[in-house]
């Protein structure tokens, strides 16, 4: 079995663990010799979407651009690991419709856990009213209604979260399963 193209879309609040899971997953899949590209909200905003702000319109345009890249990669048998807050269901559903083998992964962690992980202090500023439009505090986050995978990063280890995703990819024949060597 060969690798299939897919778009693995990690969505959740800031600090939920999307990037952490995506990096670990990318490393594991690269170690298996698979073709993987990781698209991350922070790094994409440094280049592809640096002209956009954080209004609903700009967030939708951000996801639209990322969707175009994911569509090109996934239809050419590349696995895309995309980690974006992507707070709006409609935008995520548009990605689902346009990409190959879309898998929505809800990286679910309670708001208080996300805030406690915030090294930039953005949650504290949002709670104090110094930042407006901050997802989950004073701007909505529309949680997925029927994600293919839900991770609970406040209860699972990083390894457990990654293994949940890899098992899904193997079970759905999107990546080859590792062959277990028999003990001699």
N, C-alpha and C. Protein backbone atom coordinates (compact mmCIF):
# COMPACT_ATOMS: atom_id res chain seq x y z
N UNK A 1 0.84 -1.19 0.00
CA UNK A 1 0.00 0.00 0.00
C UNK A 1 0.88 1.24 0.00
N UNK A 2 0.51 2.20 -0.80
CA UNK A 2 1.26 3.45 -0.84
C UNK A 2 0.50 4.52 -0.08
N UNK A 3 1.20 5.56 0.21
CA UNK A 3 0.61 6.70 0.91
C UNK A 3 -0.43 7.37 0.04
N UNK A 4 -1.50 7.83 0.66
CA UNK A 4 -2.53 8.60 0.00
C UNK A 4 -2.36 10.07 0.41
N UNK A 5 -2.86 10.97 -0.42
CA UNK A 5 -2.89 12.36 -0.01
C UNK A 5 -4.00 12.56 1.00
N UNK A 6 -3.78 13.45 1.93
CA UNK A 6 -4.80 13.75 2.92
C UNK A 6 -4.55 15.14 3.49
N UNK A 7 -5.59 15.70 4.10
CA UNK A 7 -5.47 16.96 4.81
C UNK A 7 -5.95 16.73 6.23
N UNK A 8 -5.03 16.70 7.14
CA UNK A 8 -5.30 16.52 8.56
C UNK A 8 -5.37 17.91 9.16
N UNK A 9 -6.56 18.33 9.57
CA UNK A 9 -6.80 19.71 10.00
C UNK A 9 -6.97 19.77 11.51
N UNK A 10 -5.93 20.24 12.22
CA UNK A 10 -5.99 20.37 13.67
C UNK A 10 -6.54 21.75 14.02
N UNK A 11 -7.67 21.75 14.71
CA UNK A 11 -8.32 22.99 15.11
C UNK A 11 -8.54 22.98 16.62
N UNK A 12 -8.48 24.15 17.21
CA UNK A 12 -8.70 24.28 18.65
C UNK A 12 -8.23 25.65 19.10
N UNK A 13 -8.48 25.93 20.35
CA UNK A 13 -8.08 27.22 20.91
C UNK A 13 -6.57 27.40 20.91
N UNK A 14 -6.14 28.63 21.00
CA UNK A 14 -4.72 28.93 21.18
C UNK A 14 -4.27 28.26 22.48
N UNK A 15 -3.18 27.53 22.43
CA UNK A 15 -2.66 26.86 23.61
C UNK A 15 -3.21 25.46 23.82
N UNK A 16 -4.08 24.99 22.92
CA UNK A 16 -4.65 23.65 23.07
C UNK A 16 -3.64 22.55 22.80
N UNK A 17 -2.60 22.87 22.01
CA UNK A 17 -1.57 21.88 21.69
C UNK A 17 -1.50 21.51 20.23
N UNK A 18 -2.14 22.28 19.36
CA UNK A 18 -2.17 21.96 17.93
C UNK A 18 -0.77 21.86 17.34
N UNK A 19 0.04 22.88 17.54
CA UNK A 19 1.38 22.89 16.95
C UNK A 19 2.25 21.81 17.55
N UNK A 20 2.17 21.62 18.85
CA UNK A 20 2.97 20.58 19.52
C UNK A 20 2.66 19.21 18.95
N UNK A 21 1.38 18.90 18.79
CA UNK A 21 0.97 17.61 18.21
C UNK A 21 1.40 17.55 16.75
N UNK A 22 1.21 18.62 16.00
CA UNK A 22 1.55 18.63 14.58
C UNK A 22 3.04 18.38 14.35
N UNK A 23 3.89 19.00 15.14
CA UNK A 23 5.34 18.82 14.99
C UNK A 23 5.73 17.38 15.29
N UNK A 24 5.22 16.83 16.38
CA UNK A 24 5.53 15.44 16.75
C UNK A 24 5.02 14.47 15.69
N UNK A 25 3.82 14.72 15.18
CA UNK A 25 3.24 13.87 14.14
C UNK A 25 4.06 13.96 12.86
N UNK A 26 4.42 15.18 12.47
CA UNK A 26 5.24 15.37 11.28
C UNK A 26 6.55 14.59 11.40
N UNK A 27 7.20 14.67 12.55
CA UNK A 27 8.47 13.95 12.75
C UNK A 27 8.28 12.45 12.62
N UNK A 28 7.22 11.92 13.23
CA UNK A 28 6.94 10.48 13.17
C UNK A 28 6.67 10.04 11.74
N UNK A 29 5.90 10.80 11.01
CA UNK A 29 5.57 10.42 9.63
C UNK A 29 6.78 10.56 8.70
N UNK A 30 7.62 11.57 8.94
CA UNK A 30 8.86 11.69 8.15
C UNK A 30 9.78 10.50 8.43
N UNK A 31 9.85 10.07 9.69
CA UNK A 31 10.68 8.91 10.03
C UNK A 31 10.23 7.66 9.28
N UNK A 32 8.98 7.60 8.94
CA UNK A 32 8.43 6.47 8.18
C UNK A 32 8.67 6.64 6.68
N UNK A 33 9.27 7.75 6.28
CA UNK A 33 9.57 7.98 4.87
C UNK A 33 8.38 8.50 4.06
N UNK A 34 7.41 9.10 4.73
CA UNK A 34 6.22 9.58 4.04
C UNK A 34 6.39 11.03 3.60
N UNK A 35 5.62 11.41 2.60
CA UNK A 35 5.64 12.78 2.10
C UNK A 35 4.63 13.60 2.90
N UNK A 36 5.15 14.50 3.71
CA UNK A 36 4.34 15.28 4.64
C UNK A 36 4.76 16.74 4.56
N UNK A 37 3.78 17.62 4.57
CA UNK A 37 4.03 19.06 4.70
C UNK A 37 3.20 19.56 5.87
N UNK A 38 3.83 20.32 6.74
CA UNK A 38 3.13 20.89 7.88
C UNK A 38 2.89 22.37 7.63
N UNK A 39 1.64 22.77 7.76
CA UNK A 39 1.25 24.17 7.63
C UNK A 39 0.77 24.62 9.00
N UNK A 40 1.36 25.68 9.54
CA UNK A 40 1.04 26.13 10.89
C UNK A 40 0.62 27.59 10.86
N UNK A 41 -0.37 27.92 11.68
CA UNK A 41 -0.92 29.27 11.70
C UNK A 41 0.12 30.36 11.85
N UNK A 42 1.02 30.21 12.81
CA UNK A 42 2.02 31.26 13.05
C UNK A 42 2.99 31.41 11.88
N UNK A 43 3.46 30.30 11.33
CA UNK A 43 4.45 30.40 10.25
C UNK A 43 3.81 30.84 8.94
N UNK A 44 2.57 30.42 8.69
CA UNK A 44 1.88 30.85 7.46
C UNK A 44 1.65 32.36 7.51
N UNK A 45 1.33 32.88 8.69
CA UNK A 45 1.09 34.33 8.81
C UNK A 45 2.38 35.14 8.62
N UNK A 46 3.54 34.51 8.72
CA UNK A 46 4.80 35.21 8.47
C UNK A 46 5.05 35.41 6.98
N UNK A 47 4.41 34.61 6.15
CA UNK A 47 4.68 34.71 4.72
C UNK A 47 3.43 34.82 3.88
N UNK A 48 2.69 33.74 3.76
CA UNK A 48 1.55 33.64 2.85
C UNK A 48 0.42 34.60 3.19
N UNK A 49 0.23 34.90 4.46
CA UNK A 49 -0.92 35.72 4.85
C UNK A 49 -0.53 36.89 5.76
N UNK A 50 0.67 37.37 5.63
CA UNK A 50 1.13 38.46 6.52
C UNK A 50 0.35 39.76 6.33
N UNK A 51 -0.36 39.87 5.21
CA UNK A 51 -1.15 41.08 4.95
C UNK A 51 -2.51 41.06 5.64
N UNK A 52 -2.83 39.98 6.35
CA UNK A 52 -4.14 39.83 6.95
C UNK A 52 -4.11 40.09 8.45
N UNK A 53 -5.21 40.60 8.96
CA UNK A 53 -5.37 40.81 10.40
C UNK A 53 -6.18 39.67 11.01
N UNK A 54 -6.98 40.00 12.02
CA UNK A 54 -7.70 38.96 12.74
C UNK A 54 -9.21 39.19 12.75
N UNK A 55 -9.72 40.02 11.83
CA UNK A 55 -11.17 40.15 11.69
C UNK A 55 -11.71 38.83 11.13
N UNK A 56 -13.01 38.64 11.21
CA UNK A 56 -13.61 37.43 10.67
C UNK A 56 -13.28 37.30 9.19
N UNK A 57 -13.38 38.38 8.46
CA UNK A 57 -13.09 38.35 7.02
C UNK A 57 -11.64 37.95 6.76
N UNK A 58 -10.72 38.52 7.53
CA UNK A 58 -9.30 38.19 7.35
C UNK A 58 -9.01 36.75 7.76
N UNK A 59 -9.64 36.29 8.83
CA UNK A 59 -9.44 34.89 9.25
C UNK A 59 -9.95 33.95 8.17
N UNK A 60 -11.11 34.27 7.59
CA UNK A 60 -11.65 33.43 6.51
C UNK A 60 -10.72 33.44 5.30
N UNK A 61 -10.18 34.59 4.95
CA UNK A 61 -9.24 34.70 3.82
C UNK A 61 -7.96 33.91 4.11
N UNK A 62 -7.49 33.95 5.35
CA UNK A 62 -6.32 33.17 5.77
C UNK A 62 -6.56 31.69 5.50
N UNK A 63 -7.69 31.17 5.97
CA UNK A 63 -8.00 29.76 5.79
C UNK A 63 -8.23 29.43 4.31
N UNK A 64 -8.81 30.35 3.56
CA UNK A 64 -9.00 30.15 2.12
C UNK A 64 -7.66 29.95 1.41
N UNK A 65 -6.67 30.75 1.76
CA UNK A 65 -5.34 30.63 1.14
C UNK A 65 -4.67 29.31 1.53
N UNK A 66 -4.77 28.98 2.81
CA UNK A 66 -4.18 27.72 3.28
C UNK A 66 -4.87 26.54 2.60
N UNK A 67 -6.18 26.64 2.44
CA UNK A 67 -6.95 25.59 1.77
C UNK A 67 -6.41 25.36 0.35
N UNK A 68 -6.10 26.42 -0.36
CA UNK A 68 -5.59 26.29 -1.72
C UNK A 68 -4.29 25.49 -1.72
N UNK A 69 -3.40 25.79 -0.79
CA UNK A 69 -2.13 25.06 -0.69
C UNK A 69 -2.39 23.60 -0.33
N UNK A 70 -3.25 23.37 0.66
CA UNK A 70 -3.57 22.00 1.09
C UNK A 70 -4.20 21.20 -0.04
N UNK A 71 -5.04 21.85 -0.84
CA UNK A 71 -5.69 21.19 -1.97
C UNK A 71 -4.64 20.71 -2.97
N UNK A 72 -3.69 21.58 -3.30
CA UNK A 72 -2.65 21.20 -4.27
C UNK A 72 -1.81 20.04 -3.76
N UNK A 73 -1.42 20.12 -2.50
CA UNK A 73 -0.57 19.08 -1.94
C UNK A 73 -1.31 17.75 -1.80
N UNK A 74 -2.51 17.79 -1.20
CA UNK A 74 -3.22 16.54 -0.92
C UNK A 74 -3.64 15.81 -2.19
N UNK A 75 -3.97 16.53 -3.23
CA UNK A 75 -4.37 15.83 -4.46
C UNK A 75 -3.16 15.21 -5.17
N UNK A 76 -1.95 15.59 -4.75
CA UNK A 76 -0.73 15.03 -5.31
C UNK A 76 -0.06 14.06 -4.34
N UNK A 77 -0.89 13.40 -3.52
CA UNK A 77 -0.46 12.31 -2.62
C UNK A 77 0.51 12.75 -1.53
N UNK A 78 0.40 14.00 -1.13
CA UNK A 78 1.17 14.51 0.00
C UNK A 78 0.23 14.62 1.19
N UNK A 79 0.70 14.20 2.34
CA UNK A 79 -0.07 14.36 3.56
C UNK A 79 0.15 15.76 4.11
N UNK A 80 -0.93 16.47 4.36
CA UNK A 80 -0.85 17.82 4.90
C UNK A 80 -1.27 17.77 6.36
N UNK A 81 -0.43 18.31 7.22
CA UNK A 81 -0.75 18.44 8.64
C UNK A 81 -0.89 19.94 8.89
N UNK A 82 -2.14 20.39 8.99
CA UNK A 82 -2.43 21.81 9.13
C UNK A 82 -2.91 22.10 10.55
N UNK A 83 -2.27 23.06 11.21
CA UNK A 83 -2.66 23.41 12.59
C UNK A 83 -3.02 24.90 12.63
N UNK A 84 -4.33 25.14 12.73
CA UNK A 84 -4.87 26.49 12.71
C UNK A 84 -6.01 26.58 13.71
N UNK A 85 -6.10 27.69 14.41
CA UNK A 85 -7.24 27.87 15.30
C UNK A 85 -8.51 27.69 14.48
N UNK A 86 -8.58 28.31 13.33
CA UNK A 86 -9.73 28.23 12.41
C UNK A 86 -11.04 28.17 13.18
N UNK A 87 -11.43 29.30 13.78
CA UNK A 87 -12.54 29.29 14.72
C UNK A 87 -13.93 29.11 14.12
N UNK A 88 -14.07 29.19 12.81
CA UNK A 88 -15.40 29.18 12.21
C UNK A 88 -15.66 27.88 11.45
N UNK A 89 -16.77 27.23 11.77
CA UNK A 89 -17.15 25.96 11.14
C UNK A 89 -17.25 26.09 9.62
N UNK A 90 -17.84 27.17 9.16
CA UNK A 90 -18.05 27.33 7.73
C UNK A 90 -16.72 27.30 6.97
N UNK A 91 -15.72 27.98 7.49
CA UNK A 91 -14.40 27.99 6.84
C UNK A 91 -13.80 26.58 6.83
N UNK A 92 -13.92 25.86 7.95
CA UNK A 92 -13.39 24.49 8.00
C UNK A 92 -14.16 23.57 7.05
N UNK A 93 -15.47 23.77 6.95
CA UNK A 93 -16.26 22.96 6.02
C UNK A 93 -15.88 23.22 4.57
N UNK A 94 -15.50 24.46 4.25
CA UNK A 94 -15.02 24.76 2.90
C UNK A 94 -13.74 24.01 2.61
N UNK A 95 -12.84 23.93 3.59
CA UNK A 95 -11.61 23.16 3.41
C UNK A 95 -11.95 21.68 3.19
N UNK A 96 -12.89 21.17 3.98
CA UNK A 96 -13.32 19.77 3.85
C UNK A 96 -13.77 19.48 2.41
N UNK A 97 -14.53 20.39 1.83
CA UNK A 97 -15.09 20.18 0.50
C UNK A 97 -14.04 20.27 -0.61
N UNK A 98 -12.96 20.99 -0.36
CA UNK A 98 -12.01 21.26 -1.43
C UNK A 98 -10.73 20.43 -1.39
N UNK A 99 -10.48 19.74 -0.29
CA UNK A 99 -9.22 18.99 -0.18
C UNK A 99 -9.47 17.49 -0.24
N UNK A 100 -8.42 16.75 -0.46
CA UNK A 100 -8.48 15.30 -0.56
C UNK A 100 -8.37 14.68 0.83
N UNK A 101 -9.28 13.74 1.11
CA UNK A 101 -9.25 12.98 2.37
C UNK A 101 -9.10 13.89 3.59
N UNK A 102 -10.04 14.79 3.75
CA UNK A 102 -10.02 15.74 4.87
C UNK A 102 -10.35 15.03 6.18
N UNK A 103 -9.55 15.29 7.19
CA UNK A 103 -9.76 14.72 8.53
C UNK A 103 -9.70 15.87 9.52
N UNK A 104 -10.82 16.14 10.16
CA UNK A 104 -10.86 17.21 11.16
C UNK A 104 -10.46 16.64 12.51
N UNK A 105 -9.46 17.27 13.12
CA UNK A 105 -8.98 16.86 14.44
C UNK A 105 -9.25 18.01 15.40
N UNK A 106 -10.14 17.76 16.34
CA UNK A 106 -10.45 18.76 17.36
C UNK A 106 -9.47 18.57 18.51
N UNK A 107 -8.56 19.52 18.64
CA UNK A 107 -7.59 19.50 19.75
C UNK A 107 -8.28 20.23 20.89
N UNK A 108 -8.88 19.44 21.75
CA UNK A 108 -9.78 19.95 22.78
C UNK A 108 -9.05 20.06 24.12
N UNK A 109 -8.96 21.25 24.62
CA UNK A 109 -8.41 21.50 25.96
C UNK A 109 -9.25 22.63 26.55
N UNK A 110 -9.58 22.54 27.83
CA UNK A 110 -10.38 23.60 28.45
C UNK A 110 -9.66 24.95 28.38
N UNK A 111 -10.47 26.01 28.33
CA UNK A 111 -9.94 27.37 28.23
C UNK A 111 -8.91 27.65 29.32
N UNK A 112 -9.19 27.23 30.55
CA UNK A 112 -8.25 27.52 31.65
C UNK A 112 -6.91 26.80 31.47
N UNK A 113 -6.93 25.61 30.85
CA UNK A 113 -5.69 24.90 30.56
C UNK A 113 -4.92 25.64 29.46
N UNK A 114 -5.64 26.05 28.42
CA UNK A 114 -4.99 26.81 27.34
C UNK A 114 -4.36 28.09 27.87
N UNK A 115 -5.08 28.79 28.72
CA UNK A 115 -4.56 30.04 29.30
C UNK A 115 -3.33 29.77 30.15
N UNK A 116 -3.30 28.65 30.86
CA UNK A 116 -2.14 28.34 31.71
C UNK A 116 -0.91 27.98 30.88
N UNK A 117 -1.10 27.57 29.65
CA UNK A 117 0.02 27.20 28.76
C UNK A 117 0.54 28.40 27.95
N UNK A 118 -0.10 29.53 28.06
CA UNK A 118 0.17 30.69 27.20
C UNK A 118 1.46 31.39 27.60
N UNK A 119 2.53 31.12 26.87
CA UNK A 119 3.82 31.73 27.18
C UNK A 119 3.91 33.18 26.73
N UNK A 120 3.05 33.59 25.79
CA UNK A 120 3.09 34.97 25.29
C UNK A 120 2.26 35.92 26.15
N UNK A 121 1.44 35.39 27.06
CA UNK A 121 0.62 36.24 27.91
C UNK A 121 -0.59 36.84 27.21
N UNK A 122 -0.98 36.26 26.07
CA UNK A 122 -2.09 36.82 25.31
C UNK A 122 -3.44 36.63 26.01
N UNK A 123 -3.62 35.49 26.66
CA UNK A 123 -4.89 35.27 27.37
C UNK A 123 -5.05 36.29 28.49
N UNK A 124 -3.99 36.54 29.25
CA UNK A 124 -4.08 37.52 30.35
C UNK A 124 -4.48 38.88 29.81
N UNK A 125 -3.89 39.28 28.68
CA UNK A 125 -4.24 40.56 28.08
C UNK A 125 -5.68 40.57 27.58
N UNK A 126 -6.13 39.45 27.01
CA UNK A 126 -7.51 39.37 26.52
C UNK A 126 -8.50 39.41 27.69
N UNK A 127 -8.20 38.67 28.77
CA UNK A 127 -9.07 38.69 29.95
C UNK A 127 -9.13 40.08 30.57
N UNK A 128 -8.04 40.83 30.46
CA UNK A 128 -7.98 42.19 31.02
C UNK A 128 -8.59 43.23 30.06
N UNK A 129 -9.02 42.78 28.88
CA UNK A 129 -9.63 43.70 27.93
C UNK A 129 -8.63 44.46 27.08
N UNK A 130 -7.34 44.10 27.16
CA UNK A 130 -6.30 44.78 26.40
C UNK A 130 -6.21 44.29 24.95
N UNK A 131 -6.74 43.09 24.70
CA UNK A 131 -6.78 42.54 23.35
C UNK A 131 -8.24 42.23 23.04
N UNK A 132 -8.74 42.77 21.94
CA UNK A 132 -10.09 42.48 21.49
C UNK A 132 -10.03 41.46 20.36
N UNK A 133 -11.10 40.69 20.20
CA UNK A 133 -11.16 39.73 19.11
C UNK A 133 -10.31 38.50 19.35
N UNK A 134 -10.03 38.18 20.62
CA UNK A 134 -9.19 37.02 20.93
C UNK A 134 -10.09 35.78 21.03
N UNK A 135 -9.82 34.81 20.19
CA UNK A 135 -10.65 33.62 20.10
C UNK A 135 -10.77 32.91 21.44
N UNK A 136 -12.02 32.64 21.81
CA UNK A 136 -12.29 31.93 23.05
C UNK A 136 -12.52 32.82 24.24
N UNK A 137 -12.11 34.10 24.13
CA UNK A 137 -12.28 35.04 25.24
C UNK A 137 -13.33 36.07 24.85
N UNK A 138 -13.02 36.88 23.83
CA UNK A 138 -13.99 37.89 23.40
C UNK A 138 -14.29 37.79 21.90
N UNK A 139 -14.03 36.62 21.34
CA UNK A 139 -14.40 36.29 19.97
C UNK A 139 -14.75 34.81 19.97
N UNK A 140 -15.73 34.38 19.19
CA UNK A 140 -16.20 33.00 19.29
C UNK A 140 -15.23 31.97 18.73
N UNK A 141 -15.31 30.78 19.29
CA UNK A 141 -14.70 29.58 18.71
C UNK A 141 -15.83 28.58 18.54
N UNK A 142 -16.09 28.20 17.30
CA UNK A 142 -17.14 27.24 17.00
C UNK A 142 -16.51 25.85 16.93
N UNK A 143 -16.66 25.11 18.02
CA UNK A 143 -16.07 23.77 18.10
C UNK A 143 -16.66 22.87 17.03
N UNK A 144 -15.86 21.95 16.51
CA UNK A 144 -16.38 21.00 15.52
C UNK A 144 -17.55 20.20 16.09
N UNK A 145 -18.54 19.96 15.24
CA UNK A 145 -19.70 19.19 15.68
C UNK A 145 -19.49 17.69 15.52
N UNK A 146 -18.79 17.28 14.48
CA UNK A 146 -18.55 15.86 14.22
C UNK A 146 -17.13 15.63 13.69
N UNK A 147 -16.11 15.95 14.49
CA UNK A 147 -14.75 15.73 14.00
C UNK A 147 -14.45 14.24 13.86
N UNK A 148 -13.58 13.92 12.94
CA UNK A 148 -13.16 12.53 12.79
C UNK A 148 -12.36 12.07 14.01
N UNK A 149 -11.60 12.99 14.59
CA UNK A 149 -10.75 12.68 15.75
C UNK A 149 -10.90 13.80 16.77
N UNK A 150 -10.99 13.44 18.03
CA UNK A 150 -10.93 14.42 19.11
C UNK A 150 -9.79 14.03 20.03
N UNK A 151 -8.89 14.97 20.26
CA UNK A 151 -7.80 14.78 21.21
C UNK A 151 -8.12 15.58 22.46
N UNK A 152 -7.74 15.05 23.60
CA UNK A 152 -7.89 15.76 24.88
C UNK A 152 -6.48 15.95 25.44
N UNK A 153 -5.83 17.02 25.00
CA UNK A 153 -4.42 17.22 25.34
C UNK A 153 -4.20 17.54 26.81
N UNK A 154 -5.26 17.82 27.55
CA UNK A 154 -5.12 18.02 28.99
C UNK A 154 -5.12 16.68 29.73
N UNK A 155 -5.51 15.60 29.04
CA UNK A 155 -5.60 14.28 29.67
C UNK A 155 -4.67 13.25 29.03
N UNK A 156 -4.24 13.49 27.79
CA UNK A 156 -3.40 12.55 27.05
C UNK A 156 -1.96 13.05 27.02
N UNK A 157 -1.04 12.11 26.94
CA UNK A 157 0.35 12.49 26.69
C UNK A 157 0.48 12.85 25.21
N UNK A 158 1.54 13.52 24.88
CA UNK A 158 1.81 13.86 23.47
C UNK A 158 1.87 12.58 22.65
N UNK A 159 2.55 11.58 23.15
CA UNK A 159 2.67 10.31 22.43
C UNK A 159 1.30 9.67 22.20
N UNK A 160 0.43 9.71 23.19
CA UNK A 160 -0.91 9.16 23.03
C UNK A 160 -1.69 9.91 21.94
N UNK A 161 -1.62 11.23 21.97
CA UNK A 161 -2.32 12.03 20.95
C UNK A 161 -1.83 11.69 19.55
N UNK A 162 -0.52 11.62 19.38
CA UNK A 162 0.06 11.29 18.07
C UNK A 162 -0.37 9.89 17.65
N UNK A 163 -0.35 8.94 18.57
CA UNK A 163 -0.73 7.57 18.23
C UNK A 163 -2.19 7.46 17.83
N UNK A 164 -3.06 8.26 18.42
CA UNK A 164 -4.47 8.27 18.03
C UNK A 164 -4.60 8.66 16.56
N UNK A 165 -3.86 9.68 16.17
CA UNK A 165 -3.93 10.15 14.77
C UNK A 165 -3.32 9.11 13.83
N UNK A 166 -2.17 8.57 14.19
CA UNK A 166 -1.52 7.58 13.33
C UNK A 166 -2.41 6.35 13.16
N UNK A 167 -3.03 5.91 14.23
CA UNK A 167 -3.94 4.75 14.13
C UNK A 167 -5.08 5.04 13.16
N UNK A 168 -5.62 6.24 13.24
CA UNK A 168 -6.70 6.63 12.32
C UNK A 168 -6.20 6.58 10.87
N UNK A 169 -5.04 7.17 10.61
CA UNK A 169 -4.49 7.20 9.26
C UNK A 169 -4.24 5.80 8.73
N UNK A 170 -3.72 4.91 9.58
CA UNK A 170 -3.47 3.53 9.17
C UNK A 170 -4.79 2.79 8.92
N UNK A 171 -5.74 2.93 9.83
CA UNK A 171 -7.02 2.21 9.71
C UNK A 171 -7.80 2.64 8.47
N UNK A 172 -7.60 3.87 8.03
CA UNK A 172 -8.30 4.37 6.85
C UNK A 172 -7.44 4.29 5.59
N UNK A 173 -6.35 3.52 5.68
CA UNK A 173 -5.46 3.25 4.53
C UNK A 173 -4.93 4.51 3.88
N UNK A 174 -4.66 5.53 4.69
CA UNK A 174 -4.06 6.76 4.17
C UNK A 174 -2.54 6.72 4.25
N UNK A 175 -2.03 5.92 5.18
CA UNK A 175 -0.60 5.66 5.28
C UNK A 175 -0.42 4.16 5.50
N UNK A 176 0.71 3.61 5.07
CA UNK A 176 0.96 2.19 5.32
C UNK A 176 1.14 1.95 6.82
N UNK A 177 0.59 0.86 7.29
CA UNK A 177 0.78 0.46 8.69
C UNK A 177 2.19 -0.08 8.84
N UNK A 178 2.77 0.19 9.99
CA UNK A 178 4.09 -0.38 10.26
C UNK A 178 3.96 -1.86 10.45
N UNK A 179 4.85 -2.59 9.84
CA UNK A 179 4.85 -4.04 10.03
C UNK A 179 5.60 -4.35 11.30
N UNK A 180 4.97 -5.12 12.14
CA UNK A 180 5.60 -5.51 13.41
C UNK A 180 6.48 -6.72 13.12
N UNK A 181 7.75 -6.58 13.52
CA UNK A 181 8.69 -7.68 13.29
C UNK A 181 8.44 -8.77 14.32
N UNK A 182 8.37 -9.99 13.85
CA UNK A 182 8.18 -11.12 14.75
C UNK A 182 9.46 -11.38 15.54
N UNK A 183 9.29 -11.69 16.81
CA UNK A 183 10.45 -12.00 17.66
C UNK A 183 11.03 -13.34 17.25
N UNK A 184 12.35 -13.42 17.16
CA UNK A 184 13.00 -14.66 16.74
C UNK A 184 13.17 -15.62 17.89
